[in-house]
């Protein structure tokens, strides 16, 4: 992984490894996940269950939609196409 990190970010100012274990829920939630959950929380809880919750991000960095672990990517293909159309405009 360190080799990938070195190859993927030459001269960048990254201050943490690309592959690093982070907390997604709880008091030590990583800032990225705090932002994502604040943008599009669930009806009852904001927690992300395991690693199966899917978040579709728009070209401007906003959470377009959040999908449950049971949602197949094929079920939100139209949403992806919509966002790809926005990105090319």
Protein backbone atom coordinates (compact mmCIF):
# COMPACT_ATOMS: atom_id res chain seq x y z
CA UNK A 1 0.00 0.00 0.00
CA UNK A 2 2.83 2.40 0.71
CA UNK A 3 4.06 1.94 -2.85
CA UNK A 4 0.61 2.86 -4.19
CA UNK A 5 0.53 5.90 -1.93
CA UNK A 6 3.88 7.10 -3.23
CA UNK A 7 2.91 6.53 -6.87
CA UNK A 8 -0.52 8.12 -6.60
CA UNK A 9 0.42 11.36 -4.91
CA UNK A 10 3.80 12.60 -6.09
CA UNK A 11 4.40 16.11 -4.80
CA UNK A 12 0.98 16.28 -3.16
CA UNK A 13 0.48 17.70 0.28
CA UNK A 14 -1.44 14.73 1.66
CA UNK A 15 -0.88 14.43 5.36
CA UNK A 16 -2.34 10.97 5.88
CA UNK A 17 -2.08 7.65 4.08
CA UNK A 18 -4.64 6.91 1.39
CA UNK A 19 -5.44 3.58 3.01
CA UNK A 20 -6.01 4.11 6.69
CA UNK A 21 -8.54 2.70 9.12
CA UNK A 22 -10.98 5.39 10.24
CA UNK A 23 -14.06 5.47 12.43
CA UNK A 24 -17.28 5.89 10.49
CA UNK A 25 -19.56 6.15 13.53
CA UNK A 26 -19.17 7.16 17.15
CA UNK A 27 -17.25 9.87 18.97
CA UNK A 28 -14.11 9.48 16.80
CA UNK A 29 -15.91 9.65 13.44
CA UNK A 30 -13.59 10.84 10.67
CA UNK A 31 -14.47 14.34 9.37
CA UNK A 32 -15.37 13.01 5.92
CA UNK A 33 -18.01 10.70 7.35
CA UNK A 34 -19.37 13.40 9.67
CA UNK A 35 -19.90 15.54 6.59
CA UNK A 36 -21.46 12.75 4.51
CA UNK A 37 -23.87 11.73 7.27
CA UNK A 38 -24.83 15.35 7.97
CA UNK A 39 -25.57 15.85 4.27
CA UNK A 40 -27.87 12.85 3.95
CA UNK A 41 -28.74 11.05 7.15
CA UNK A 42 -31.21 8.21 7.43
CA UNK A 43 -34.74 8.62 8.66
CA UNK A 44 -34.17 7.00 12.05
CA UNK A 45 -30.40 7.10 12.54
CA UNK A 46 -27.43 8.65 10.79
CA UNK A 47 -25.09 5.74 11.47
CA UNK A 48 -23.56 3.92 8.54
CA UNK A 49 -24.09 0.19 9.01
CA UNK A 50 -20.99 -1.81 8.28
CA UNK A 51 -19.48 -0.91 4.93
CA UNK A 52 -22.51 -1.54 2.78
CA UNK A 53 -24.25 1.84 2.86
CA UNK A 54 -23.82 3.53 -0.50
CA UNK A 55 -23.50 7.28 -0.95
CA UNK A 56 -23.74 8.85 -4.39
CA UNK A 57 -21.81 12.14 -4.50
CA UNK A 58 -22.62 14.90 -6.99
CA UNK A 59 -19.93 16.72 -8.98
CA UNK A 60 -20.09 19.63 -6.53
CA UNK A 61 -19.30 17.35 -3.57
CA UNK A 62 -22.80 17.12 -2.10
CA UNK A 63 -24.47 13.85 -1.20
CA UNK A 64 -27.01 13.30 -3.96
CA UNK A 65 -28.56 10.21 -2.39
CA UNK A 66 -27.94 7.59 0.24
CA UNK A 67 -28.82 3.96 -0.47
CA UNK A 68 -29.26 1.09 1.94
CA UNK A 69 -27.08 -1.98 1.99
CA UNK A 70 -29.87 -3.88 0.26
CA UNK A 71 -29.99 -1.52 -2.72
CA UNK A 72 -28.23 -2.87 -5.79
CA UNK A 73 -26.18 -0.33 -7.75
CA UNK A 74 -28.30 -1.28 -10.75
CA UNK A 75 -31.30 0.19 -8.92
CA UNK A 76 -29.77 3.66 -8.91
CA UNK A 77 -28.19 3.57 -12.33
CA UNK A 78 -30.51 6.38 -13.49
CA UNK A 79 -29.29 8.58 -10.63
CA UNK A 80 -25.70 7.95 -11.72
CA UNK A 81 -26.56 8.82 -15.31
CA UNK A 82 -28.27 11.99 -14.13
CA UNK A 83 -25.16 13.06 -12.25
CA UNK A 84 -22.89 12.18 -15.18
CA UNK A 85 -25.08 14.38 -17.37
CA UNK A 86 -24.71 17.25 -14.88
CA UNK A 87 -20.94 16.80 -14.80
CA UNK A 88 -20.62 17.08 -18.58
CA UNK A 89 -22.77 20.23 -18.79
